[in-house]
Amino acid sequence: MSDTDAQVPLPDLNAANPGPVDDIAYSEDEQASRIAADLEAVFDVPVQVSAVLGRSKMDVGELLKLGPGTVLELDRRVGEAIDIYVNNRLVARGEVVLVEDKLGVTMTEIIKTERN
């Protein structure tokens, strides 16, 4: 070890709030812009989003008898959270909302799953 090695400051890995890894300090807006720029490559990747209000099982004969105005009983109660799937994976729960004359979904809970 030379004398110049002792002059290089090392980060305190046991500190409660470690500083930035690099020498450049970014504001929150700059940091958000950098993150958005890093993610830009995936912005055009298509995904399938499904909001499931409920489920019901029936025979094909019953299905063929359905028509306009038929009430279909689902396995959920009024006001119960709906499931939100992305590419057939449960990612959130939410509520149905009305925005002007269109139905939408607002997320109320993000579902965290362990990755294999």
PDB file of N, CA and C in Angstrom:
ATOM      1  N   MET A   1       0.835  -1.176   0.000  1.00  0.00           N
ATOM      2  CA  MET A   1       0.000   0.000   0.000  1.00  0.00           C
ATOM      3  C   MET A   1       0.880   1.239   0.000  1.00  0.00           C
ATOM      4  N   SER A   2       0.607   2.172  -0.885  1.00  0.00           N
ATOM      5  CA  SER A   2       1.407   3.384  -0.958  1.00  0.00           C
ATOM      6  C   SER A   2       0.775   4.482  -0.121  1.00  0.00           C
ATOM      7  N   ASP A   3       1.481   5.603   0.028  1.00  0.00           N
ATOM      8  CA  ASP A   3       0.971   6.736   0.798  1.00  0.00           C
ATOM      9  C   ASP A   3      -0.231   7.378   0.122  1.00  0.00           C
ATOM     10  N   THR A   4      -0.324   7.313  -1.195  1.00  0.00           N
ATOM     11  CA  THR A   4      -1.457   7.938  -1.895  1.00  0.00           C
ATOM     12  C   THR A   4      -2.742   7.153  -1.690  1.00  0.00           C
ATOM     13  N   ASP A   5      -2.659   5.851  -1.409  1.00  0.00           N
ATOM     14  CA  ASP A   5      -3.857   5.055  -1.169  1.00  0.00           C
ATOM     15  C   ASP A   5      -4.587   5.510   0.082  1.00  0.00           C
ATOM     16  N   ALA A   6      -3.890   5.963   1.058  1.00  0.00           N
ATOM     17  CA  ALA A   6      -4.498   6.402   2.311  1.00  0.00           C
ATOM     18  C   ALA A   6      -5.274   7.695   2.125  1.00  0.00           C
ATOM     19  N   GLN A   7      -5.029   8.454   1.064  1.00  0.00           N
ATOM     20  CA  GLN A   7      -5.693   9.745   0.855  1.00  0.00           C
ATOM     21  C   GLN A   7      -7.023   9.602   0.111  1.00  0.00           C
ATOM     22  N   VAL A   8      -7.310   8.465  -0.439  1.00  0.00           N
ATOM     23  CA  VAL A   8      -8.556   8.272  -1.179  1.00  0.00           C
ATOM     24  C   VAL A   8      -9.679   8.041  -0.178  1.00  0.00           C
ATOM     25  N   PRO A   9     -10.724   8.927  -0.186  1.00  0.00           N
ATOM     26  CA  PRO A   9     -11.825   8.738   0.760  1.00  0.00           C
ATOM     27  C   PRO A   9     -12.693   7.556   0.333  1.00  0.00           C
ATOM     28  N   LEU A  10     -13.020   6.710   1.280  1.00  0.00           N
ATOM     29  CA  LEU A  10     -13.876   5.566   1.020  1.00  0.00           C
ATOM     30  C   LEU A  10     -15.253   5.826   1.617  1.00  0.00           C
ATOM     31  N   PRO A  11     -16.305   5.359   0.953  1.00  0.00           N
ATOM     32  CA  PRO A  11     -17.646   5.569   1.503  1.00  0.00           C
ATOM     33  C   PRO A  11     -17.844   4.753   2.768  1.00  0.00           C
ATOM     34  N   ASP A  12     -18.631   5.307   3.686  1.00  0.00           N
ATOM     35  CA  ASP A  12     -18.954   4.599   4.924  1.00  0.00           C
ATOM     36  C   ASP A  12     -20.158   3.709   4.653  1.00  0.00           C
ATOM     37  N   LEU A  13     -19.929   2.412   4.480  1.00  0.00           N
ATOM     38  CA  LEU A  13     -20.998   1.493   4.140  1.00  0.00           C
ATOM     39  C   LEU A  13     -21.931   1.217   5.310  1.00  0.00           C
ATOM     40  N   ASN A  14     -21.529   1.578   6.500  1.00  0.00           N
ATOM     41  CA  ASN A  14     -22.367   1.373   7.677  1.00  0.00           C
ATOM     42  C   ASN A  14     -23.175   2.611   8.044  1.00  0.00           C
ATOM     43  N   ALA A  15     -23.059   3.668   7.276  1.00  0.00           N
ATOM     44  CA  ALA A  15     -23.766   4.921   7.577  1.00  0.00           C
ATOM     45  C   ALA A  15     -25.262   4.741   7.377  1.00  0.00           C
ATOM     46  N   ALA A  16     -26.060   5.478   8.158  1.00  0.00           N
ATOM     47  CA  ALA A  16     -27.518   5.400   8.057  1.00  0.00           C
ATOM     48  C   ALA A  16     -27.997   5.938   6.719  1.00  0.00           C
ATOM     49  N   ASN A  17     -27.449   7.043   6.251  1.00  0.00           N
ATOM     50  CA  ASN A  17     -27.826   7.652   4.973  1.00  0.00           C
ATOM     51  C   ASN A  17     -26.588   7.767   4.102  1.00  0.00           C
ATOM     52  N   PRO A  18     -26.237   6.712   3.387  1.00  0.00           N
ATOM     53  CA  PRO A  18     -25.052   6.809   2.546  1.00  0.00           C
ATOM     54  C   PRO A  18     -25.272   7.819   1.428  1.00  0.00           C
ATOM     55  N   GLY A  19     -24.229   8.494   1.043  1.00  0.00           N
ATOM     56  CA  GLY A  19     -24.303   9.503  -0.003  1.00  0.00           C
ATOM     57  C   GLY A  19     -24.417   8.867  -1.365  1.00  0.00           C
ATOM     58  N   PRO A  20     -24.455   9.695  -2.414  1.00  0.00           N
ATOM     59  CA  PRO A  20     -24.562   9.158  -3.759  1.00  0.00           C
ATOM     60  C   PRO A  20     -23.332   8.341  -4.117  1.00  0.00           C
ATOM     61  N   VAL A  21     -23.527   7.347  -4.972  1.00  0.00           N
ATOM     62  CA  VAL A  21     -22.441   6.462  -5.357  1.00  0.00           C
ATOM     63  C   VAL A  21     -21.429   7.192  -6.220  1.00  0.00           C
ATOM     64  N   ASP A  22     -21.928   8.038  -7.135  1.00  0.00           N
ATOM     65  CA  ASP A  22     -20.995   8.778  -7.982  1.00  0.00           C
ATOM     66  C   ASP A  22     -20.786  10.181  -7.428  1.00  0.00           C
ATOM     67  N   ASP A  23     -19.890  10.930  -8.039  1.00  0.00           N
ATOM     68  CA  ASP A  23     -19.553  12.260  -7.545  1.00  0.00           C
ATOM     69  C   ASP A  23     -20.580  13.320  -7.928  1.00  0.00           C
ATOM     70  N   ILE A  24     -21.519  12.996  -8.821  1.00  0.00           N
ATOM     71  CA  ILE A  24     -22.481  13.976  -9.301  1.00  0.00           C
ATOM     72  C   ILE A  24     -23.726  13.901  -8.430  1.00  0.00           C
ATOM     73  N   ALA A  25     -24.169  15.050  -7.921  1.00  0.00           N
ATOM     74  CA  ALA A  25     -25.387  15.110  -7.131  1.00  0.00           C
ATOM     75  C   ALA A  25     -26.520  15.574  -8.042  1.00  0.00           C
ATOM     76  N   TYR A  26     -27.645  14.849  -8.025  1.00  0.00           N
ATOM     77  CA  TYR A  26     -28.785  15.174  -8.874  1.00  0.00           C
ATOM     78  C   TYR A  26     -29.940  15.626  -8.010  1.00  0.00           C
ATOM     79  N   SER A  27     -30.724  16.588  -8.537  1.00  0.00           N
ATOM     80  CA  SER A  27     -31.943  16.980  -7.845  1.00  0.00           C
ATOM     81  C   SER A  27     -32.977  15.888  -8.081  1.00  0.00           C
ATOM     82  N   GLU A  28     -34.092  15.941  -7.345  1.00  0.00           N
ATOM     83  CA  GLU A  28     -35.130  14.922  -7.504  1.00  0.00           C
ATOM     84  C   GLU A  28     -35.695  14.930  -8.918  1.00  0.00           C
ATOM     85  N   ASP A  29     -35.876  16.127  -9.510  1.00  0.00           N
ATOM     86  CA  ASP A  29     -36.397  16.219 -10.878  1.00  0.00           C
ATOM     87  C   ASP A  29     -35.424  15.618 -11.878  1.00  0.00           C
ATOM     88  N   GLU A  30     -34.131  15.889 -11.693  1.00  0.00           N
ATOM     89  CA  GLU A  30     -33.127  15.328 -12.596  1.00  0.00           C
ATOM     90  C   GLU A  30     -33.061  13.811 -12.445  1.00  0.00           C
ATOM     91  N   GLN A  31     -33.171  13.332 -11.214  1.00  0.00           N
ATOM     92  CA  GLN A  31     -33.142  11.898 -10.960  1.00  0.00           C
ATOM     93  C   GLN A  31     -34.341  11.228 -11.623  1.00  0.00           C
ATOM     94  N   ALA A  32     -35.531  11.828 -11.504  1.00  0.00           N
ATOM     95  CA  ALA A  32     -36.731  11.268 -12.128  1.00  0.00           C
ATOM     96  C   ALA A  32     -36.587  11.254 -13.645  1.00  0.00           C
ATOM     97  N   SER A  33     -36.001  12.291 -14.201  1.00  0.00           N
ATOM     98  CA  SER A  33     -35.788  12.350 -15.652  1.00  0.00           C
ATOM     99  C   SER A  33     -34.831  11.261 -16.104  1.00  0.00           C
ATOM    100  N   ARG A  34     -33.776  11.020 -15.300  1.00  0.00           N
ATOM    101  CA  ARG A  34     -32.820   9.967 -15.652  1.00  0.00           C
ATOM    102  C   ARG A  34     -33.481   8.594 -15.600  1.00  0.00           C
ATOM    103  N   ILE A  35     -34.313   8.363 -14.597  1.00  0.00           N
ATOM    104  CA  ILE A  35     -35.002   7.083 -14.484  1.00  0.00           C
ATOM    105  C   ILE A  35     -35.943   6.897 -15.661  1.00  0.00           C
ATOM    106  N   ALA A  36     -36.705   7.952 -16.012  1.00  0.00           N
ATOM    107  CA  ALA A  36     -37.616   7.874 -17.148  1.00  0.00           C
ATOM    108  C   ALA A  36     -36.853   7.613 -18.438  1.00  0.00           C
ATOM    109  N   ALA A  37     -35.717   8.243 -18.605  1.00  0.00           N
ATOM    110  CA  ALA A  37     -34.902   8.028 -19.809  1.00  0.00           C
ATOM    111  C   ALA A  37     -34.387   6.598 -19.854  1.00  0.00           C
ATOM    112  N   ASP A  38     -34.012   6.044 -18.701  1.00  0.00           N
ATOM    113  CA  ASP A  38     -33.527   4.665 -18.654  1.00  0.00           C
ATOM    114  C   ASP A  38     -34.635   3.671 -19.017  1.00  0.00           C
ATOM    115  N   LEU A  39     -35.877   4.006 -18.684  1.00  0.00           N
ATOM    116  CA  LEU A  39     -37.005   3.118 -18.952  1.00  0.00           C
ATOM    117  C   LEU A  39     -37.606   3.311 -20.340  1.00  0.00           C
ATOM    118  N   GLU A  40     -37.150   4.306 -21.057  1.00  0.00           N
ATOM    119  CA  GLU A  40     -37.748   4.640 -22.352  1.00  0.00           C
ATOM    120  C   GLU A  40     -37.764   3.464 -23.322  1.00  0.00           C
ATOM    121  N   ALA A  41     -36.821   2.570 -23.225  1.00  0.00           N
ATOM    122  CA  ALA A  41     -36.745   1.424 -24.129  1.00  0.00           C
ATOM    123  C   ALA A  41     -37.946   0.487 -23.971  1.00  0.00           C
ATOM    124  N   VAL A  42     -38.582   0.468 -22.806  1.00  0.00           N
ATOM    125  CA  VAL A  42     -39.708  -0.444 -22.590  1.00  0.00           C
ATOM    126  C   VAL A  42     -41.068   0.235 -22.737  1.00  0.00           C
ATOM    127  N   PHE A  43     -41.101   1.531 -23.036  1.00  0.00           N
ATOM    128  CA  PHE A  43     -42.370   2.246 -23.134  1.00  0.00           C
ATOM    129  C   PHE A  43     -43.274   1.692 -24.228  1.00  0.00           C
ATOM    130  N   ASP A  44     -42.729   1.145 -25.304  1.00  0.00           N
ATOM    131  CA  ASP A  44     -43.524   0.659 -26.426  1.00  0.00           C
ATOM    132  C   ASP A  44     -43.795  -0.844 -26.375  1.00  0.00           C
ATOM    133  N   VAL A  45     -43.459  -1.494 -25.275  1.00  0.00           N
ATOM    134  CA  VAL A  45     -43.721  -2.922 -25.152  1.00  0.00           C
ATOM    135  C   VAL A  45     -45.209  -3.109 -24.837  1.00  0.00           C
ATOM    136  N   PRO A  46     -45.932  -3.844 -25.698  1.00  0.00           N
ATOM    137  CA  PRO A  46     -47.371  -4.012 -25.447  1.00  0.00           C
ATOM    138  C   PRO A  46     -47.628  -4.987 -24.298  1.00  0.00           C
ATOM    139  N   VAL A  47     -48.608  -4.665 -23.470  1.00  0.00           N
ATOM    140  CA  VAL A  47     -49.035  -5.542 -22.383  1.00  0.00           C
ATOM    141  C   VAL A  47     -50.557  -5.619 -22.403  1.00  0.00           C
ATOM    142  N   GLN A  48     -51.101  -6.711 -21.887  1.00  0.00           N
ATOM    143  CA  GLN A  48     -52.540  -6.880 -21.800  1.00  0.00           C
ATOM    144  C   GLN A  48     -52.959  -6.587 -20.364  1.00  0.00           C
ATOM    145  N   VAL A  49     -53.855  -5.626 -20.183  1.00  0.00           N
ATOM    146  CA  VAL A  49     -54.348  -5.264 -18.859  1.00  0.00           C
ATOM    147  C   VAL A  49     -55.815  -5.684 -18.771  1.00  0.00           C
ATOM    148  N   SER A  50     -56.158  -6.418 -17.711  1.00  0.00           N
ATOM    149  CA  SER A  50     -57.531  -6.887 -17.504  1.00  0.00           C
ATOM    150  C   SER A  50     -57.991  -6.481 -16.117  1.00  0.00           C
ATOM    151  N   ALA A  51     -59.212  -5.989 -16.028  1.00  0.00           N
ATOM    152  CA  ALA A  51     -59.838  -5.680 -14.746  1.00  0.00           C
ATOM    153  C   ALA A  51     -60.992  -6.658 -14.573  1.00  0.00           C
ATOM    154  N   VAL A  52     -60.883  -7.544 -13.608  1.00  0.00           N
ATOM    155  CA  VAL A  52     -61.864  -8.613 -13.421  1.00  0.00           C
ATOM    156  C   VAL A  52     -62.853  -8.205 -12.336  1.00  0.00           C
ATOM    157  N   LEU A  53     -64.104  -8.028 -12.730  1.00  0.00           N
ATOM    158  CA  LEU A  53     -65.149  -7.647 -11.788  1.00  0.00           C
ATOM    159  C   LEU A  53     -65.596  -8.828 -10.945  1.00  0.00           C
ATOM    160  N   GLY A  54     -65.520 -10.017 -11.504  1.00  0.00           N
ATOM    161  CA  GLY A  54     -65.938 -11.221 -10.802  1.00  0.00           C
ATOM    162  C   GLY A  54     -65.957 -12.382 -11.773  1.00  0.00           C
ATOM    163  N   ARG A  55     -66.291 -13.563 -11.251  1.00  0.00           N
ATOM    164  CA  ARG A  55     -66.324 -14.769 -12.072  1.00  0.00           C
ATOM    165  C   ARG A  55     -67.622 -15.523 -11.809  1.00  0.00           C
ATOM    166  N   SER A  56     -67.979 -16.331 -12.789  1.00  0.00           N
ATOM    167  CA  SER A  56     -69.165 -17.167 -12.659  1.00  0.00           C
ATOM    168  C   SER A  56     -68.966 -18.423 -13.490  1.00  0.00           C
ATOM    169  N   LYS A  57     -69.467 -19.557 -13.005  1.00  0.00           N
ATOM    170  CA  LYS A  57     -69.395 -20.810 -13.759  1.00  0.00           C
ATOM    171  C   LYS A  57     -70.792 -21.192 -14.207  1.00  0.00           C
ATOM    172  N   MET A  58     -70.873 -21.702 -15.442  1.00  0.00           N
ATOM    173  CA  MET A  58     -72.156 -22.163 -15.965  1.00  0.00           C
ATOM    174  C   MET A  58     -71.919 -23.161 -17.075  1.00  0.00           C
ATOM    175  N   ASP A  59     -72.937 -23.923 -17.356  1.00  0.00           N
ATOM    176  CA  ASP A  59     -72.884 -24.884 -18.450  1.00  0.00           C
ATOM    177  C   ASP A  59     -73.036 -24.138 -19.771  1.00  0.00           C
ATOM    178  N   VAL A  60     -72.596 -24.771 -20.849  1.00  0.00           N
ATOM    179  CA  VAL A  60     -72.700 -24.159 -22.172  1.00  0.00           C
ATOM    180  C   VAL A  60     -74.159 -23.879 -22.514  1.00  0.00           C
ATOM    181  N   GLY A  61     -75.046 -24.760 -22.119  1.00  0.00           N
ATOM    182  CA  GLY A  61     -76.477 -24.556 -22.383  1.00  0.00           C
ATOM    183  C   GLY A  61     -76.988 -23.273 -21.738  1.00  0.00           C
ATOM    184  N   GLU A  62     -76.569 -23.030 -20.492  1.00  0.00           N
ATOM    185  CA  GLU A  62     -76.961 -21.794 -19.805  1.00  0.00           C
ATOM    186  C   GLU A  62     -76.357 -20.578 -20.497  1.00  0.00           C
ATOM    187  N   LEU A  63     -75.122 -20.710 -20.937  1.00  0.00           N
ATOM    188  CA  LEU A  63     -74.433 -19.615 -21.621  1.00  0.00           C
ATOM    189  C   LEU A  63     -75.162 -19.225 -22.895  1.00  0.00           C
ATOM    190  N   LEU A  64     -75.641 -20.211 -23.642  1.00  0.00           N
ATOM    191  CA  LEU A  64     -76.335 -19.945 -24.891  1.00  0.00           C
ATOM    192  C   LEU A  64     -77.692 -19.278 -24.677  1.00  0.00           C
ATOM    193  N   LYS A  65     -78.268 -19.423 -23.484  1.00  0.00           N
ATOM    194  CA  LYS A  65     -79.561 -18.804 -23.174  1.00  0.00           C
ATOM    195  C   LYS A  65     -79.433 -17.337 -22.767  1.00  0.00           C
ATOM    196  N   LEU A  66     -78.193 -16.864 -22.528  1.00  0.00           N
ATOM    197  CA  LEU A  66     -78.010 -15.468 -22.117  1.00  0.00           C
ATOM    198  C   LEU A  66     -78.388 -14.531 -23.252  1.00  0.00           C
ATOM    199  N   GLY A  67     -78.960 -13.419 -22.900  1.00  0.00           N
ATOM    200  CA  GLY A  67     -79.334 -12.429 -23.891  1.00  0.00           C
ATOM    201  C   GLY A  67     -79.234 -11.036 -23.300  1.00  0.00           C
ATOM    202  N   PRO A  68     -79.560 -10.017 -24.091  1.00  0.00           N
ATOM    203  CA  PRO A  68     -79.517  -8.637 -23.575  1.00  0.00           C
ATOM    204  C   PRO A  68     -80.414  -8.485 -22.350  1.00  0.00           C
ATOM    205  N   GLY A  69     -79.893  -7.837 -21.325  1.00  0.00           N
ATOM    206  CA  GLY A  69     -80.654  -7.602 -20.108  1.00  0.00           C
ATOM    207  C   GLY A  69     -80.565  -8.719 -19.089  1.00  0.00           C
ATOM    208  N   THR A  70     -79.896  -9.815 -19.423  1.00  0.00           N
ATOM    209  CA  THR A  70     -79.748 -10.923 -18.480  1.00  0.00           C
ATOM    210  C   THR A  70     -78.813 -10.506 -17.347  1.00  0.00           C
ATOM    211  N   VAL A  71     -79.207 -10.797 -16.124  1.00  0.00           N
ATOM    212  CA  VAL A  71     -78.365 -10.520 -14.965  1.00  0.00           C
ATOM    213  C   VAL A  71     -77.543 -11.758 -14.675  1.00  0.00           C
ATOM    214  N   LEU A  72     -76.243 -11.576 -14.607  1.00  0.00           N
ATOM    215  CA  LEU A  72     -75.321 -12.679 -14.358  1.00  0.00           C
ATOM    216  C   LEU A  72     -74.749 -12.518 -12.960  1.00  0.00           C
ATOM    217  N   GLU A  73     -74.939 -13.509 -12.108  1.00  0.00           N
ATOM    218  CA  GLU A  73     -74.445 -13.441 -10.738  1.00  0.00           C
ATOM    219  C   GLU A  73     -72.951 -13.746 -10.716  1.00  0.00           C
ATOM    220  N   LEU A  74     -72.186 -12.859 -10.081  1.00  0.00           N
ATOM    221  CA  LEU A  74     -70.739 -13.016  -9.973  1.00  0.00           C
ATOM    222  C   LEU A  74     -70.365 -13.406  -8.552  1.00  0.00           C
ATOM    223  N   ASP A  75     -69.118 -13.815  -8.358  1.00  0.00           N
ATOM    224  CA  ASP A  75     -68.651 -14.263  -7.047  1.00  0.00           C
ATOM    225  C   ASP A  75     -68.179 -13.120  -6.158  1.00  0.00           C
ATOM    226  N   ARG A  76     -68.471 -11.891  -6.516  1.00  0.00           N
ATOM    227  CA  ARG A  76     -68.065 -10.719  -5.720  1.00  0.00           C
ATOM    228  C   ARG A  76     -69.298  -9.946  -5.259  1.00  0.00           C
ATOM    229  N   ARG A  77     -69.115  -9.190  -4.193  1.00  0.00           N
ATOM    230  CA  ARG A  77     -70.187  -8.339  -3.686  1.00  0.00           C
ATOM    231  C   ARG A  77     -69.986  -6.922  -4.195  1.00  0.00           C
ATOM    232  N   VAL A  78     -71.053  -6.146  -4.176  1.00  0.00           N
ATOM    233  CA  VAL A  78     -70.982  -4.744  -4.575  1.00  0.00           C
ATOM    234  C   VAL A  78     -70.016  -4.018  -3.651  1.00  0.00           C
ATOM    235  N   GLY A  79     -69.106  -3.242  -4.206  1.00  0.00           N
ATOM    236  CA  GLY A  79     -68.142  -2.487  -3.421  1.00  0.00           C
ATOM    237  C   GLY A  79     -66.866  -3.240  -3.116  1.00  0.00           C
ATOM    238  N   GLU A  80     -66.828  -4.538  -3.391  1.00  0.00           N
ATOM    239  CA  GLU A  80     -65.617  -5.322  -3.159  1.00  0.00           C
ATOM    240  C   GLU A  80     -64.581  -4.973  -4.220  1.00  0.00           C
ATOM    241  N   ALA A  81     -63.315  -5.005  -3.845  1.00  0.00           N
ATOM    242  CA  ALA A  81     -62.233  -4.648  -4.764  1.00  0.00           C
ATOM    243  C   ALA A  81     -62.203  -5.596  -5.961  1.00  0.00           C
ATOM    244  N   ILE A  82     -61.843  -5.048  -7.118  1.00  0.00           N
ATOM    245  CA  ILE A  82     -61.696  -5.872  -8.319  1.00  0.00           C
ATOM    246  C   ILE A  82     -60.224  -6.197  -8.513  1.00  0.00           C
ATOM    247  N   ASP A  83     -59.949  -7.263  -9.240  1.00  0.00           N
ATOM    248  CA  ASP A  83     -58.574  -7.680  -9.502  1.00  0.00           C
ATOM    249  C   ASP A  83     -58.088  -7.074 -10.811  1.00  0.00           C
ATOM    250  N   ILE A  84     -56.837  -6.601 -10.814  1.00  0.00           N
ATOM    251  CA  ILE A  84     -56.228  -6.025 -12.006  1.00  0.00           C
ATOM    252  C   ILE A  84     -55.051  -6.910 -12.391  1.00  0.00           C
ATOM    253  N   TYR A  85     -55.110  -7.431 -13.603  1.00  0.00           N
ATOM    254  CA  TYR A  85     -54.085  -8.336 -14.117  1.00  0.00           C
ATOM    255  C   TYR A  85     -53.313  -7.653 -15.235  1.00  0.00           C
ATOM    256  N   VAL A  86     -52.009  -7.884 -15.291  1.00  0.00           N
ATOM    257  CA  VAL A  86     -51.177  -7.473 -16.417  1.00  0.00           C
ATOM    258  C   VAL A  86     -50.528  -8.739 -16.945  1.00  0.00           C
ATOM    259  N   ASN A  87     -50.798  -9.037 -18.222  1.00  0.00           N
ATOM    260  CA  ASN A  87     -50.313 -10.269 -18.846  1.00  0.00           C
ATOM    261  C   ASN A  87     -50.647 -11.496 -17.991  1.00  0.00           C
ATOM    262  N   ASN A  88     -51.896 -11.565 -17.551  1.00  0.00           N
ATOM    263  CA  ASN A  88     -52.431 -12.688 -16.773  1.00  0.00           C
ATOM    264  C   ASN A  88     -51.767 -12.869 -15.414  1.00  0.00           C
ATOM    265  N   ARG A  89     -51.126 -11.842 -14.892  1.00  0.00           N
ATOM    266  CA  ARG A  89     -50.530 -11.892 -13.554  1.00  0.00           C
ATOM    267  C   ARG A  89     -51.211 -10.827 -12.687  1.00  0.00           C
ATOM    268  N   LEU A  90     -51.699 -11.247 -11.527  1.00  0.00           N
ATOM    269  CA  LEU A  90     -52.354 -10.319 -10.604  1.00  0.00           C
ATOM    270  C   LEU A  90     -51.333  -9.307 -10.101  1.00  0.00           C
ATOM    271  N   VAL A  91     -51.573  -8.013 -10.358  1.00  0.00           N
ATOM    272  CA  VAL A  91     -50.623  -6.987  -9.943  1.00  0.00           C
ATOM    273  C   VAL A  91     -51.230  -5.965  -8.981  1.00  0.00           C
ATOM    274  N   ALA A  92     -52.578  -5.858  -8.966  1.00  0.00           N
ATOM    275  CA  ALA A  92     -53.188  -4.830  -8.123  1.00  0.00           C
ATOM    276  C   ALA A  92     -54.657  -5.158  -7.873  1.00  0.00           C
ATOM    277  N   ARG A  93     -55.227  -4.428  -6.933  1.00  0.00           N
ATOM    278  CA  ARG A  93     -56.667  -4.440  -6.705  1.00  0.00           C
ATOM    279  C   ARG A  93     -57.128  -2.999  -6.806  1.00  0.00           C
ATOM    280  N   GLY A  94     -58.382  -2.815  -7.170  1.00  0.00           N
ATOM    281  CA  GLY A  94     -58.853  -1.457  -7.355  1.00  0.00           C
ATOM    282  C   GLY A  94     -60.356  -1.337  -7.279  1.00  0.00           C
ATOM    283  N   GLU A  95     -60.827  -0.153  -7.662  1.00  0.00           N
ATOM    284  CA  GLU A  95     -62.254   0.156  -7.647  1.00  0.00           C
ATOM    285  C   GLU A  95     -62.668   0.677  -9.010  1.00  0.00           C
ATOM    286  N   VAL A  96     -63.905   0.399  -9.375  1.00  0.00           N
ATOM    287  CA  VAL A  96     -64.456   0.926 -10.618  1.00  0.00           C
ATOM    288  C   VAL A  96     -64.831   2.382 -10.384  1.00  0.00           C
ATOM    289  N   VAL A  97     -64.461   3.247 -11.333  1.00  0.00           N
ATOM    290  CA  VAL A  97     -64.804   4.667 -11.240  1.00  0.00           C
ATOM    291  C   VAL A  97     -65.460   5.101 -12.541  1.00  0.00           C
ATOM    292  N   LEU A  98     -66.238   6.158 -12.473  1.00  0.00           N
ATOM    293  CA  LEU A  98     -66.873   6.735 -13.645  1.00  0.00           C
ATOM    294  C   LEU A  98     -66.195   8.063 -13.933  1.00  0.00           C
ATOM    295  N   VAL A  99     -65.605   8.194 -15.127  1.00  0.00           N
ATOM    296  CA  VAL A  99     -64.934   9.418 -15.543  1.00  0.00           C
ATOM    297  C   VAL A  99     -65.676   9.920 -16.762  1.00  0.00           C
ATOM    298  N   GLU A 100     -66.392  11.050 -16.581  1.00  0.00           N
ATOM    299  CA  GLU A 100     -67.302  11.572 -17.596  1.00  0.00           C
ATOM    300  C   GLU A 100     -68.292  10.468 -17.950  1.00  0.00           C
ATOM    301  N   ASP A 101     -68.267   9.939 -19.151  1.00  0.00           N
ATOM    302  CA  ASP A 101     -69.231   8.898 -19.509  1.00  0.00           C
ATOM    303  C   ASP A 101     -68.566   7.544 -19.715  1.00  0.00           C
ATOM    304  N   LYS A 102     -67.353   7.375 -19.184  1.00  0.00           N
ATOM    305  CA  LYS A 102     -66.615   6.127 -19.370  1.00  0.00           C
ATOM    306  C   LYS A 102     -66.296   5.497 -18.024  1.00  0.00           C
ATOM    307  N   LEU A 103     -66.256   4.157 -18.023  1.00  0.00           N
ATOM    308  CA  LEU A 103     -65.849   3.430 -16.823  1.00  0.00           C
ATOM    309  C   LEU A 103     -64.337   3.307 -16.806  1.00  0.00           C
ATOM    310  N   GLY A 104     -63.771   3.364 -15.621  1.00  0.00           N
ATOM    311  CA  GLY A 104     -62.339   3.195 -15.455  1.00  0.00           C
ATOM    312  C   GLY A 104     -62.065   2.443 -14.169  1.00  0.00           C
ATOM    313  N   VAL A 105     -60.802   2.251 -13.893  1.00  0.00           N
ATOM    314  CA  VAL A 105     -60.388   1.553 -12.678  1.00  0.00           C
ATOM    315  C   VAL A 105     -59.307   2.373 -12.002  1.00  0.00           C
ATOM    316  N   THR A 106     -59.418   2.550 -10.707  1.00  0.00           N
ATOM    317  CA  THR A 106     -58.363   3.186  -9.935  1.00  0.00           C
ATOM    318  C   THR A 106     -57.731   2.132  -9.032  1.00  0.00           C
ATOM    319  N   MET A 107     -56.413   2.092  -9.013  1.00  0.00           N
ATOM    320  CA  MET A 107     -55.713   1.104  -8.190  1.00  0.00           C
ATOM    321  C   MET A 107     -55.696   1.562  -6.740  1.00  0.00           C
ATOM    322  N   THR A 108     -56.077   0.662  -5.850  1.00  0.00           N
ATOM    323  CA  THR A 108     -56.074   0.970  -4.421  1.00  0.00           C
ATOM    324  C   THR A 108     -55.026   0.178  -3.662  1.00  0.00           C
ATOM    325  N   GLU A 109     -54.546  -0.919  -4.283  1.00  0.00           N
ATOM    326  CA  GLU A 109     -53.556  -1.775  -3.615  1.00  0.00           C
ATOM    327  C   GLU A 109     -52.680  -2.437  -4.664  1.00  0.00           C
ATOM    328  N   ILE A 110     -51.376  -2.345  -4.489  1.00  0.00           N
ATOM    329  CA  ILE A 110     -50.429  -3.023  -5.362  1.00  0.00           C
ATOM    330  C   ILE A 110     -50.095  -4.370  -4.731  1.00  0.00           C
ATOM    331  N   ILE A 111     -50.165  -5.424  -5.520  1.00  0.00           N
ATOM    332  CA  ILE A 111     -49.871  -6.778  -5.037  1.00  0.00           C
ATOM    333  C   ILE A 111     -48.412  -7.077  -5.326  1.00  0.00           C
ATOM    334  N   LYS A 112     -47.649  -7.325  -4.292  1.00  0.00           N
ATOM    335  CA  LYS A 112     -46.237  -7.673  -4.462  1.00  0.00           C
ATOM    336  C   LYS A 112     -46.089  -9.173  -4.374  1.00  0.00           C
ATOM    337  N   THR A 113     -45.500  -9.769  -5.385  1.00  0.00           N
ATOM    338  CA  THR A 113     -45.263 -11.202  -5.381  1.00  0.00           C
ATOM    339  C   THR A 113     -43.782 -11.465  -5.449  1.00  0.00           C
ATOM    340  N   GLU A 114     -43.386 -12.588  -4.887  1.00  0.00           N
ATOM    341  CA  GLU A 114     -41.966 -12.952  -4.945  1.00  0.00           C
ATOM    342  C   GLU A 114     -41.649 -13.492  -6.318  1.00  0.00           C
ATOM    343  N   ARG A 115     -40.496 -13.130  -6.830  1.00  0.00           N
ATOM    344  CA  ARG A 115     -40.047 -13.626  -8.128  1.00  0.00           C
ATOM    345  C   ARG A 115     -39.194 -14.861  -7.925  1.00  0.00           C
ATOM    346  N   ASN A 116     -39.334 -15.796  -8.866  1.00  0.00           N
ATOM    347  CA  ASN A 116     -38.541 -17.026  -8.788  1.00  0.00           C
ATOM    348  C   ASN A 116     -37.169 -16.811  -9.350  1.00  0.00           C
TER     349      ASN A 116
END
